Amino acid sequence: MPRIERVAELTWEGNTARGNRTMTAGSGAFESMPFSLPSRIERVAGKTSPEELLAAAHGGCFTMSLSTELTKAGTPPERLDVRVTVVMDEVEGKGHQVVSSHVDARGRVPGADAESFARAATEADEGCPLSTLIKASATVTFQATLVGD
């Protein structure tokens, strides 16, 4: 795989408590997406947070990795539904830290059984660069559920 480099641009105005602004993806996938302190610590409609973006990034990485592992096993997925929950909490002596990311993967995979799906999920976690990154300072857990027709 070639070296991959991505860019995001962020603008912030004001202090931490009252400030806010936007982030834009270098690819153009999103533009002027608003974020603020309130969107980090509570649910604010229409605004995101770094932790929500981390959950989306981890989910995207894991989903593609799982699809790859299932395809290599000869059972390409028909559909994968993945939900990722990132938790940030107070860590003594370190302030607020991302402490965990939980991946809940459900898949419709013709030809796979529960054991082969769970094995593919384990391999997907091991092959996902964002799982590796998060594991450097937090816990990654996952649940893999095979869904019937």
Protein backbone atom coordinates (compact mmCIF):
# COMPACT_ATOMS: atom_id res chain seq x y z
CA MET A 1 0.00 0.00 0.00
CA PRO A 2 1.38 3.45 -0.82
CA ARG A 3 2.06 6.09 1.81
CA ILE A 4 -1.18 7.87 2.67
CA GLU A 5 -1.39 11.49 3.77
CA ARG A 6 -4.59 13.37 4.55
CA VAL A 7 -5.20 16.96 5.62
CA ALA A 8 -7.87 18.74 7.63
CA GLU A 9 -7.99 22.47 8.24
CA LEU A 10 -9.47 23.95 11.38
CA THR A 11 -10.31 27.47 12.45
CA TRP A 12 -11.02 28.43 16.07
CA GLU A 13 -12.21 31.75 17.45
CA GLY A 14 -12.49 32.64 21.13
CA ASN A 15 -11.59 30.95 24.37
CA THR A 16 -12.15 27.27 25.11
CA ALA A 17 -15.46 27.70 26.94
CA ARG A 18 -17.15 30.11 24.55
CA GLY A 19 -15.19 29.67 21.36
CA ASN A 20 -16.17 27.64 18.34
CA ARG A 21 -15.48 27.31 14.70
CA THR A 22 -15.18 24.86 11.88
CA MET A 23 -13.16 22.08 10.33
CA THR A 24 -12.82 21.26 6.65
CA ALA A 25 -11.51 18.10 5.01
CA GLY A 26 -8.73 18.62 2.51
CA SER A 27 -10.54 16.17 0.21
CA GLY A 28 -13.69 18.28 0.22
CA ALA A 29 -15.70 15.45 1.81
CA PHE A 30 -16.95 17.95 4.40
CA GLU A 31 -16.66 21.69 4.59
CA SER A 32 -17.03 24.10 7.49
CA MET A 33 -18.21 21.42 9.92
CA PRO A 34 -18.87 23.21 13.24
CA PHE A 35 -17.36 22.10 16.56
CA SER A 36 -17.10 23.58 20.05
CA LEU A 37 -16.54 22.65 23.68
CA PRO A 38 -20.28 22.06 24.23
CA SER A 39 -20.29 19.63 21.29
CA ARG A 40 -17.51 17.68 23.04
CA ILE A 41 -19.20 17.35 26.42
CA GLU A 42 -22.86 17.17 25.47
CA ARG A 43 -24.90 16.38 22.40
CA VAL A 44 -25.29 19.51 20.32
CA ALA A 45 -27.31 19.03 17.14
CA GLY A 46 -25.42 19.89 14.00
CA LYS A 47 -21.97 20.07 15.63
CA THR A 48 -19.32 17.38 15.92
CA SER A 49 -16.34 16.70 18.16
CA PRO A 50 -12.87 15.23 17.75
CA GLU A 51 -14.05 12.10 19.59
CA GLU A 52 -16.99 11.62 17.22
CA LEU A 53 -14.63 11.97 14.27
CA LEU A 54 -12.27 9.44 15.89
CA ALA A 55 -15.19 7.00 16.25
CA ALA A 56 -16.06 7.48 12.58
CA ALA A 57 -12.44 7.06 11.50
CA HIS A 58 -11.96 3.94 13.63
CA GLY A 59 -15.21 2.51 12.27
CA GLY A 60 -14.24 3.17 8.68
CA CYS A 61 -10.83 1.57 9.15
CA PHE A 62 -12.22 -1.49 10.96
CA THR A 63 -15.04 -1.98 8.43
CA MET A 64 -12.67 -1.96 5.45
CA SER A 65 -10.27 -4.28 7.30
CA LEU A 66 -13.11 -6.70 8.15
CA SER A 67 -14.31 -6.70 4.55
CA THR A 68 -10.75 -7.49 3.43
CA GLU A 69 -10.39 -10.38 5.90
CA LEU A 70 -13.75 -11.90 4.96
CA THR A 71 -12.95 -11.62 1.25
CA LYS A 72 -9.53 -13.25 1.77
CA ALA A 73 -11.34 -16.12 3.55
CA GLY A 74 -13.56 -16.64 0.50
CA THR A 75 -16.70 -15.19 2.13
CA PRO A 76 -17.04 -11.58 0.98
CA PRO A 77 -19.64 -9.70 3.02
CA GLU A 78 -23.03 -8.86 1.63
CA ARG A 79 -23.44 -6.13 4.27
CA LEU A 80 -21.55 -4.89 7.34
CA ASP A 81 -23.09 -2.56 9.93
CA VAL A 82 -20.55 -1.18 12.38
CA ARG A 83 -21.12 1.10 15.37
CA VAL A 84 -18.12 2.52 17.25
CA THR A 85 -18.31 4.15 20.67
CA VAL A 86 -15.31 6.20 21.77
CA VAL A 87 -15.12 7.08 25.47
CA MET A 88 -13.15 10.00 26.88
CA ASP A 89 -12.85 10.14 30.66
CA GLU A 90 -10.82 11.76 33.43
CA VAL A 91 -7.56 9.87 34.04
CA GLU A 92 -5.81 10.62 37.31
CA GLY A 93 -2.77 12.78 36.72
CA LYS A 94 -3.41 13.04 32.97
CA GLY A 95 -6.65 14.97 32.60
CA HIS A 96 -9.20 13.89 30.04
CA GLN A 97 -8.04 11.04 27.82
CA VAL A 98 -9.60 8.71 25.28
CA VAL A 99 -9.83 5.53 27.36
CA SER A 100 -11.64 3.15 25.03
CA SER A 101 -13.14 2.46 21.65
CA HIS A 102 -15.74 -0.29 21.35
CA VAL A 103 -16.60 -1.69 17.93
CA ASP A 104 -19.91 -3.50 17.43
CA ALA A 105 -19.85 -5.21 14.03
CA ARG A 106 -22.85 -6.99 12.55
CA GLY A 107 -22.51 -8.72 9.23
CA ARG A 108 -24.51 -10.57 6.63
CA VAL A 109 -21.89 -12.87 5.16
CA PRO A 110 -23.05 -15.77 2.98
CA GLY A 111 -20.95 -18.87 3.57
CA ALA A 112 -19.52 -17.73 6.91
CA ASP A 113 -20.33 -19.16 10.32
CA ALA A 114 -20.10 -17.41 13.69
CA GLU A 115 -16.60 -18.75 14.36
CA SER A 116 -15.14 -17.65 11.01
CA PHE A 117 -16.80 -14.24 11.35
CA ALA A 118 -15.34 -13.77 14.84
CA ARG A 119 -11.89 -14.85 13.56
CA ALA A 120 -12.13 -12.35 10.68
CA ALA A 121 -13.10 -9.61 13.17
CA THR A 122 -10.05 -10.39 15.32
CA GLU A 123 -7.81 -10.27 12.25
CA ALA A 124 -9.51 -7.05 11.13
CA ASP A 125 -8.79 -5.43 14.51
CA GLU A 126 -5.14 -6.53 14.28
CA GLY A 127 -4.89 -5.17 10.73
CA CYS A 128 -6.63 -1.83 11.33
CA PRO A 129 -4.03 0.94 11.75
CA LEU A 130 -6.44 3.04 13.82
CA SER A 131 -7.02 0.16 16.26
CA THR A 132 -3.24 0.00 16.66
CA LEU A 133 -3.04 3.75 17.23
CA ILE A 134 -5.82 3.77 19.82
CA LYS A 135 -4.35 0.73 21.63
CA ALA A 136 -1.19 2.76 22.28
CA SER A 137 -3.03 4.60 25.06
CA ALA A 138 -6.52 3.12 25.38
CA THR A 139 -8.48 -0.11 25.13
CA VAL A 140 -10.10 -1.42 21.96
CA THR A 141 -12.86 -4.00 22.30
CA PHE A 142 -15.19 -5.41 19.73
CA GLN A 143 -18.21 -7.64 19.33
CA ALA A 144 -18.84 -9.47 16.07
CA THR A 145 -22.31 -10.79 15.34
CA LEU A 146 -23.20 -12.74 12.21
CA VAL A 147 -26.71 -11.91 11.01
CA GLY A 148 -28.87 -14.42 9.15
CA ASP A 149 -31.06 -13.75 6.15
